[in-house]
Amino acid sequence: MTTTAAIIDTTRCPLCGELNRCAMEIERETGQVQPPCWCMQADFSNAPLTNLPETMRGMSCICARCAAGAAPAQD
């Protein structure tokens, strides 16, 4: 049996799909030094991290809205 690894877009929040604006990921992709990421000062205590499948944890950053526990924007 073969397993196919899921393709994870590290620039997007795994909870809502919006851009996560992670400065560390931007620096890794572009090679351009970035200021400290917003997440270094963020409070994640309201983030719905239990909604994130175990296989996706630690693979990409969540966005500021999800970190604050806010509902995703409706289109």
PDB file of N, CA and C in Angstrom:
ATOM      1  N   MET A   1       0.850  -1.181   0.000  1.00  0.00           N
ATOM      2  CA  MET A   1       0.000   0.000   0.000  1.00  0.00           C
ATOM      3  C   MET A   1       0.887   1.233   0.000  1.00  0.00           C
ATOM      4  N   THR A   2       0.571   2.192  -0.850  1.00  0.00           N
ATOM      5  CA  THR A   2       1.336   3.436  -0.895  1.00  0.00           C
ATOM      6  C   THR A   2       0.526   4.547  -0.264  1.00  0.00           C
ATOM      7  N   THR A   3       1.236   5.474   0.315  1.00  0.00           N
ATOM      8  CA  THR A   3       0.568   6.626   0.913  1.00  0.00           C
ATOM      9  C   THR A   3       0.991   7.874   0.161  1.00  0.00           C
ATOM     10  N   THR A   4       0.053   8.724  -0.099  1.00  0.00           N
ATOM     11  CA  THR A   4       0.340   9.988  -0.754  1.00  0.00           C
ATOM     12  C   THR A   4       0.291  11.081   0.291  1.00  0.00           C
ATOM     13  N   ALA A   5       1.377  11.800   0.422  1.00  0.00           N
ATOM     14  CA  ALA A   5       1.424  12.899   1.383  1.00  0.00           C
ATOM     15  C   ALA A   5       0.532  14.029   0.896  1.00  0.00           C
ATOM     16  N   ALA A   6      -0.214  14.608   1.813  1.00  0.00           N
ATOM     17  CA  ALA A   6      -1.075  15.735   1.465  1.00  0.00           C
ATOM     18  C   ALA A   6      -0.199  16.942   1.151  1.00  0.00           C
ATOM     19  N   ILE A   7      -0.594  17.689   0.169  1.00  0.00           N
ATOM     20  CA  ILE A   7       0.120  18.916  -0.169  1.00  0.00           C
ATOM     21  C   ILE A   7      -0.446  20.016   0.703  1.00  0.00           C
ATOM     22  N   ILE A   8       0.428  20.631   1.483  1.00  0.00           N
ATOM     23  CA  ILE A   8       0.000  21.673   2.403  1.00  0.00           C
ATOM     24  C   ILE A   8       0.580  22.997   1.951  1.00  0.00           C
ATOM     25  N   ASP A   9      -0.293  23.980   1.769  1.00  0.00           N
ATOM     26  CA  ASP A   9       0.130  25.327   1.402  1.00  0.00           C
ATOM     27  C   ASP A   9       0.478  26.053   2.693  1.00  0.00           C
ATOM     28  N   THR A  10       1.761  26.233   2.955  1.00  0.00           N
ATOM     29  CA  THR A  10       2.204  26.832   4.215  1.00  0.00           C
ATOM     30  C   THR A  10       1.904  28.322   4.314  1.00  0.00           C
ATOM     31  N   THR A  11       1.426  28.941   3.231  1.00  0.00           N
ATOM     32  CA  THR A  11       1.060  30.357   3.280  1.00  0.00           C
ATOM     33  C   THR A  11      -0.397  30.554   3.687  1.00  0.00           C
ATOM     34  N   ARG A  12      -1.142  29.457   3.836  1.00  0.00           N
ATOM     35  CA  ARG A  12      -2.569  29.530   4.163  1.00  0.00           C
ATOM     36  C   ARG A  12      -2.866  28.880   5.497  1.00  0.00           C
ATOM     37  N   CYS A  13      -3.871  29.424   6.174  1.00  0.00           N
ATOM     38  CA  CYS A  13      -4.327  28.898   7.452  1.00  0.00           C
ATOM     39  C   CYS A  13      -4.998  27.546   7.213  1.00  0.00           C
ATOM     40  N   PRO A  14      -4.591  26.508   7.937  1.00  0.00           N
ATOM     41  CA  PRO A  14      -5.204  25.198   7.731  1.00  0.00           C
ATOM     42  C   PRO A  14      -6.638  25.110   8.258  1.00  0.00           C
ATOM     43  N   LEU A  15      -7.078  26.101   9.044  1.00  0.00           N
ATOM     44  CA  LEU A  15      -8.449  26.094   9.563  1.00  0.00           C
ATOM     45  C   LEU A  15      -9.438  26.744   8.611  1.00  0.00           C
ATOM     46  N   CYS A  16      -9.061  27.902   8.038  1.00  0.00           N
ATOM     47  CA  CYS A  16     -10.028  28.627   7.195  1.00  0.00           C
ATOM     48  C   CYS A  16      -9.573  28.803   5.751  1.00  0.00           C
ATOM     49  N   GLY A  17      -8.298  28.566   5.467  1.00  0.00           N
ATOM     50  CA  GLY A  17      -7.799  28.701   4.100  1.00  0.00           C
ATOM     51  C   GLY A  17      -7.335  30.094   3.716  1.00  0.00           C
ATOM     52  N   GLU A  18      -7.500  31.050   4.602  1.00  0.00           N
ATOM     53  CA  GLU A  18      -7.049  32.421   4.309  1.00  0.00           C
ATOM     54  C   GLU A  18      -5.530  32.503   4.434  1.00  0.00           C
ATOM     55  N   LEU A  19      -4.937  33.551   3.860  1.00  0.00           N
ATOM     56  CA  LEU A  19      -3.495  33.759   4.001  1.00  0.00           C
ATOM     57  C   LEU A  19      -3.156  33.926   5.470  1.00  0.00           C
ATOM     58  N   ASN A  20      -2.096  33.278   5.929  1.00  0.00           N
ATOM     59  CA  ASN A  20      -1.731  33.379   7.339  1.00  0.00           C
ATOM     60  C   ASN A  20      -0.746  34.515   7.617  1.00  0.00           C
ATOM     61  N   ARG A  21      -0.159  35.073   6.577  1.00  0.00           N
ATOM     62  CA  ARG A  21       0.776  36.191   6.684  1.00  0.00           C
ATOM     63  C   ARG A  21       1.922  35.894   7.657  1.00  0.00           C
ATOM     64  N   CYS A  22       2.410  34.683   7.622  1.00  0.00           N
ATOM     65  CA  CYS A  22       3.504  34.267   8.495  1.00  0.00           C
ATOM     66  C   CYS A  22       4.821  34.835   7.965  1.00  0.00           C
ATOM     67  N   ALA A  23       5.427  35.729   8.731  1.00  0.00           N
ATOM     68  CA  ALA A  23       6.677  36.359   8.309  1.00  0.00           C
ATOM     69  C   ALA A  23       7.799  35.337   8.188  1.00  0.00           C
ATOM     70  N   MET A  24       7.781  34.338   9.035  1.00  0.00           N
ATOM     71  CA  MET A  24       8.836  33.326   8.972  1.00  0.00           C
ATOM     72  C   MET A  24       8.742  32.517   7.688  1.00  0.00           C
ATOM     73  N   GLU A  25       7.519  32.223   7.247  1.00  0.00           N
ATOM     74  CA  GLU A  25       7.332  31.486   5.998  1.00  0.00           C
ATOM     75  C   GLU A  25       7.680  32.369   4.806  1.00  0.00           C
ATOM     76  N   ILE A  26       7.313  33.639   4.855  1.00  0.00           N
ATOM     77  CA  ILE A  26       7.655  34.572   3.772  1.00  0.00           C
ATOM     78  C   ILE A  26       9.167  34.653   3.626  1.00  0.00           C
ATOM     79  N   GLU A  27       9.869  34.748   4.758  1.00  0.00           N
ATOM     80  CA  GLU A  27      11.332  34.814   4.718  1.00  0.00           C
ATOM     81  C   GLU A  27      11.925  33.528   4.154  1.00  0.00           C
ATOM     82  N   ARG A  28      11.383  32.391   4.553  1.00  0.00           N
ATOM     83  CA  ARG A  28      11.878  31.115   4.055  1.00  0.00           C
ATOM     84  C   ARG A  28      11.698  31.010   2.545  1.00  0.00           C
ATOM     85  N   GLU A  29      10.537  31.449   2.039  1.00  0.00           N
ATOM     86  CA  GLU A  29      10.254  31.348   0.606  1.00  0.00           C
ATOM     87  C   GLU A  29      11.012  32.363  -0.235  1.00  0.00           C
ATOM     88  N   THR A  30      11.150  33.593   0.283  1.00  0.00           N
ATOM     89  CA  THR A  30      11.748  34.657  -0.521  1.00  0.00           C
ATOM     90  C   THR A  30      13.224  34.894  -0.238  1.00  0.00           C
ATOM     91  N   GLY A  31      13.686  34.482   0.943  1.00  0.00           N
ATOM     92  CA  GLY A  31      15.062  34.766   1.337  1.00  0.00           C
ATOM     93  C   GLY A  31      15.243  36.191   1.833  1.00  0.00           C
ATOM     94  N   GLN A  32      14.157  36.962   1.876  1.00  0.00           N
ATOM     95  CA  GLN A  32      14.223  38.352   2.340  1.00  0.00           C
ATOM     96  C   GLN A  32      13.912  38.409   3.825  1.00  0.00           C
ATOM     97  N   VAL A  33      14.788  39.067   4.576  1.00  0.00           N
ATOM     98  CA  VAL A  33      14.602  39.196   6.015  1.00  0.00           C
ATOM     99  C   VAL A  33      13.288  39.924   6.298  1.00  0.00           C
ATOM    100  N   GLN A  34      12.517  39.376   7.232  1.00  0.00           N
ATOM    101  CA  GLN A  34      11.218  39.938   7.609  1.00  0.00           C
ATOM    102  C   GLN A  34      11.270  40.402   9.064  1.00  0.00           C
ATOM    103  N   PRO A  35      10.392  41.338   9.418  1.00  0.00           N
ATOM    104  CA  PRO A  35      10.294  41.708  10.833  1.00  0.00           C
ATOM    105  C   PRO A  35       9.714  40.534  11.613  1.00  0.00           C
ATOM    106  N   PRO A  36       9.770  40.554  12.940  1.00  0.00           N
ATOM    107  CA  PRO A  36       9.188  39.456  13.709  1.00  0.00           C
ATOM    108  C   PRO A  36       7.727  39.223  13.313  1.00  0.00           C
ATOM    109  N   CYS A  37       7.356  37.965  13.255  1.00  0.00           N
ATOM    110  CA  CYS A  37       6.004  37.591  12.850  1.00  0.00           C
ATOM    111  C   CYS A  37       4.980  38.022  13.900  1.00  0.00           C
ATOM    112  N   TRP A  38       3.765  38.319  13.454  1.00  0.00           N
ATOM    113  CA  TRP A  38       2.669  38.703  14.351  1.00  0.00           C
ATOM    114  C   TRP A  38       2.429  37.618  15.398  1.00  0.00           C
ATOM    115  N   CYS A  39       2.697  36.375  15.022  1.00  0.00           N
ATOM    116  CA  CYS A  39       2.386  35.259  15.921  1.00  0.00           C
ATOM    117  C   CYS A  39       3.281  35.215  17.154  1.00  0.00           C
ATOM    118  N   MET A  40       4.413  35.893  17.103  1.00  0.00           N
ATOM    119  CA  MET A  40       5.320  35.878  18.247  1.00  0.00           C
ATOM    120  C   MET A  40       4.715  36.625  19.438  1.00  0.00           C
ATOM    121  N   GLN A  41       3.742  37.492  19.206  1.00  0.00           N
ATOM    122  CA  GLN A  41       3.084  38.249  20.262  1.00  0.00           C
ATOM    123  C   GLN A  41       1.618  37.852  20.443  1.00  0.00           C
ATOM    124  N   ALA A  42       1.155  36.882  19.663  1.00  0.00           N
ATOM    125  CA  ALA A  42      -0.265  36.512  19.668  1.00  0.00           C
ATOM    126  C   ALA A  42      -0.632  35.626  20.847  1.00  0.00           C
ATOM    127  N   ASP A  43      -1.892  35.745  21.255  1.00  0.00           N
ATOM    128  CA  ASP A  43      -2.467  34.881  22.282  1.00  0.00           C
ATOM    129  C   ASP A  43      -3.301  33.824  21.556  1.00  0.00           C
ATOM    130  N   PHE A  44      -2.915  32.579  21.642  1.00  0.00           N
ATOM    131  CA  PHE A  44      -3.588  31.491  20.930  1.00  0.00           C
ATOM    132  C   PHE A  44      -4.589  30.749  21.813  1.00  0.00           C
ATOM    133  N   SER A  45      -4.879  31.280  22.983  1.00  0.00           N
ATOM    134  CA  SER A  45      -5.744  30.549  23.922  1.00  0.00           C
ATOM    135  C   SER A  45      -7.177  30.384  23.422  1.00  0.00           C
ATOM    136  N   ASN A  46      -7.636  31.230  22.502  1.00  0.00           N
ATOM    137  CA  ASN A  46      -8.994  31.107  21.966  1.00  0.00           C
ATOM    138  C   ASN A  46      -9.037  30.405  20.607  1.00  0.00           C
ATOM    139  N   ALA A  47      -7.885  29.989  20.122  1.00  0.00           N
ATOM    140  CA  ALA A  47      -7.821  29.340  18.806  1.00  0.00           C
ATOM    141  C   ALA A  47      -8.469  27.961  18.860  1.00  0.00           C
ATOM    142  N   PRO A  48      -9.296  27.642  17.866  1.00  0.00           N
ATOM    143  CA  PRO A  48      -9.965  26.329  17.834  1.00  0.00           C
ATOM    144  C   PRO A  48      -9.042  25.235  17.304  1.00  0.00           C
ATOM    145  N   LEU A  49      -7.920  25.032  17.966  1.00  0.00           N
ATOM    146  CA  LEU A  49      -6.915  24.085  17.481  1.00  0.00           C
ATOM    147  C   LEU A  49      -7.409  22.648  17.487  1.00  0.00           C
ATOM    148  N   THR A  50      -8.417  22.349  18.300  1.00  0.00           N
ATOM    149  CA  THR A  50      -8.950  20.988  18.299  1.00  0.00           C
ATOM    150  C   THR A  50      -9.686  20.681  16.992  1.00  0.00           C
ATOM    151  N   ASN A  51     -10.031  21.731  16.216  1.00  0.00           N
ATOM    152  CA  ASN A  51     -10.677  21.533  14.916  1.00  0.00           C
ATOM    153  C   ASN A  51      -9.672  21.145  13.840  1.00  0.00           C
ATOM    154  N   LEU A  52      -8.395  21.227  14.169  1.00  0.00           N
ATOM    155  CA  LEU A  52      -7.345  20.935  13.195  1.00  0.00           C
ATOM    156  C   LEU A  52      -6.989  19.453  13.260  1.00  0.00           C
ATOM    157  N   PRO A  53      -7.104  18.740  12.138  1.00  0.00           N
ATOM    158  CA  PRO A  53      -6.759  17.316  12.145  1.00  0.00           C
ATOM    159  C   PRO A  53      -5.316  17.107  12.630  1.00  0.00           C
ATOM    160  N   GLU A  54      -5.096  16.051  13.359  1.00  0.00           N
ATOM    161  CA  GLU A  54      -3.779  15.741  13.920  1.00  0.00           C
ATOM    162  C   GLU A  54      -2.687  15.755  12.845  1.00  0.00           C
ATOM    163  N   THR A  55      -2.993  15.253  11.660  1.00  0.00           N
ATOM    164  CA  THR A  55      -2.004  15.174  10.577  1.00  0.00           C
ATOM    165  C   THR A  55      -1.600  16.544  10.034  1.00  0.00           C
ATOM    166  N   MET A  56      -2.380  17.592  10.326  1.00  0.00           N
ATOM    167  CA  MET A  56      -2.069  18.928   9.830  1.00  0.00           C
ATOM    168  C   MET A  56      -1.415  19.813  10.886  1.00  0.00           C
ATOM    169  N   ARG A  57      -1.322  19.336  12.096  1.00  0.00           N
ATOM    170  CA  ARG A  57      -0.746  20.147  13.172  1.00  0.00           C
ATOM    171  C   ARG A  57       0.759  20.304  12.974  1.00  0.00           C
ATOM    172  N   GLY A  58       1.221  21.544  13.149  1.00  0.00           N
ATOM    173  CA  GLY A  58       2.641  21.832  13.028  1.00  0.00           C
ATOM    174  C   GLY A  58       3.140  21.942  11.599  1.00  0.00           C
ATOM    175  N   MET A  59       2.231  21.926  10.634  1.00  0.00           N
ATOM    176  CA  MET A  59       2.633  21.974   9.232  1.00  0.00           C
ATOM    177  C   MET A  59       2.570  23.381   8.640  1.00  0.00           C
ATOM    178  N   SER A  60       1.632  24.212   9.110  1.00  0.00           N
ATOM    179  CA  SER A  60       1.536  25.597   8.661  1.00  0.00           C
ATOM    180  C   SER A  60       0.868  26.415   9.754  1.00  0.00           C
ATOM    181  N   CYS A  61       1.089  27.713   9.709  1.00  0.00           N
ATOM    182  CA  CYS A  61       0.556  28.615  10.728  1.00  0.00           C
ATOM    183  C   CYS A  61      -0.926  28.900  10.499  1.00  0.00           C
ATOM    184  N   ILE A  62      -1.655  29.084  11.592  1.00  0.00           N
ATOM    185  CA  ILE A  62      -3.028  29.543  11.461  1.00  0.00           C
ATOM    186  C   ILE A  62      -2.995  31.065  11.318  1.00  0.00           C
ATOM    187  N   CYS A  63      -4.081  31.665  10.858  1.00  0.00           N
ATOM    188  CA  CYS A  63      -4.137  33.110  10.659  1.00  0.00           C
ATOM    189  C   CYS A  63      -4.507  33.823  11.965  1.00  0.00           C
ATOM    190  N   ALA A  64      -4.339  35.129  11.989  1.00  0.00           N
ATOM    191  CA  ALA A  64      -4.625  35.918  13.191  1.00  0.00           C
ATOM    192  C   ALA A  64      -6.090  35.809  13.597  1.00  0.00           C
ATOM    193  N   ARG A  65      -7.000  35.763  12.628  1.00  0.00           N
ATOM    194  CA  ARG A  65      -8.426  35.661  12.941  1.00  0.00           C
ATOM    195  C   ARG A  65      -8.731  34.342  13.657  1.00  0.00           C
ATOM    196  N   CYS A  66      -8.201  33.246  13.137  1.00  0.00           N
ATOM    197  CA  CYS A  66      -8.433  31.947  13.785  1.00  0.00           C
ATOM    198  C   CYS A  66      -7.701  31.869  15.123  1.00  0.00           C
ATOM    199  N   ALA A  67      -6.536  32.471  15.221  1.00  0.00           N
ATOM    200  CA  ALA A  67      -5.803  32.486  16.487  1.00  0.00           C
ATOM    201  C   ALA A  67      -6.606  33.179  17.571  1.00  0.00           C
ATOM    202  N   ALA A  68      -7.377  34.192  17.177  1.00  0.00           N
ATOM    203  CA  ALA A  68      -8.204  34.931  18.130  1.00  0.00           C
ATOM    204  C   ALA A  68      -9.525  34.212  18.417  1.00  0.00           C
ATOM    205  N   GLY A  69      -9.807  33.142  17.684  1.00  0.00           N
ATOM    206  CA  GLY A  69     -11.041  32.397  17.879  1.00  0.00           C
ATOM    207  C   GLY A  69     -12.238  32.987  17.167  1.00  0.00           C
ATOM    208  N   ALA A  70     -11.995  33.909  16.241  1.00  0.00           N
ATOM    209  CA  ALA A  70     -13.089  34.533  15.500  1.00  0.00           C
ATOM    210  C   ALA A  70     -13.577  33.614  14.394  1.00  0.00           C
ATOM    211  N   ALA A  71     -14.830  33.750  14.041  1.00  0.00           N
ATOM    212  CA  ALA A  71     -15.414  32.960  12.957  1.00  0.00           C
ATOM    213  C   ALA A  71     -14.838  33.430  11.614  1.00  0.00           C
ATOM    214  N   PRO A  72     -14.646  32.523  10.663  1.00  0.00           N
ATOM    215  CA  PRO A  72     -14.160  32.914   9.339  1.00  0.00           C
ATOM    216  C   PRO A  72     -15.103  33.906   8.673  1.00  0.00           C
ATOM    217  N   ALA A  73     -14.548  34.779   7.851  1.00  0.00           N
ATOM    218  CA  ALA A  73     -15.355  35.761   7.126  1.00  0.00           C
ATOM    219  C   ALA A  73     -16.271  35.046   6.147  1.00  0.00           C
ATOM    220  N   GLN A  74     -17.489  35.537   6.017  1.00  0.00           N
ATOM    221  CA  GLN A  74     -18.444  34.979   5.061  1.00  0.00           C
ATOM    222  C   GLN A  74     -18.340  35.735   3.754  1.00  0.00           C
ATOM    223  N   ASP A  75     -18.347  35.017   2.634  1.00  0.00           N
ATOM    224  CA  ASP A  75     -18.253  35.659   1.308  1.00  0.00           C
ATOM    225  C   ASP A  75     -19.591  36.173   0.861  1.00  0.00           C
TER     226      ASP A  75
END
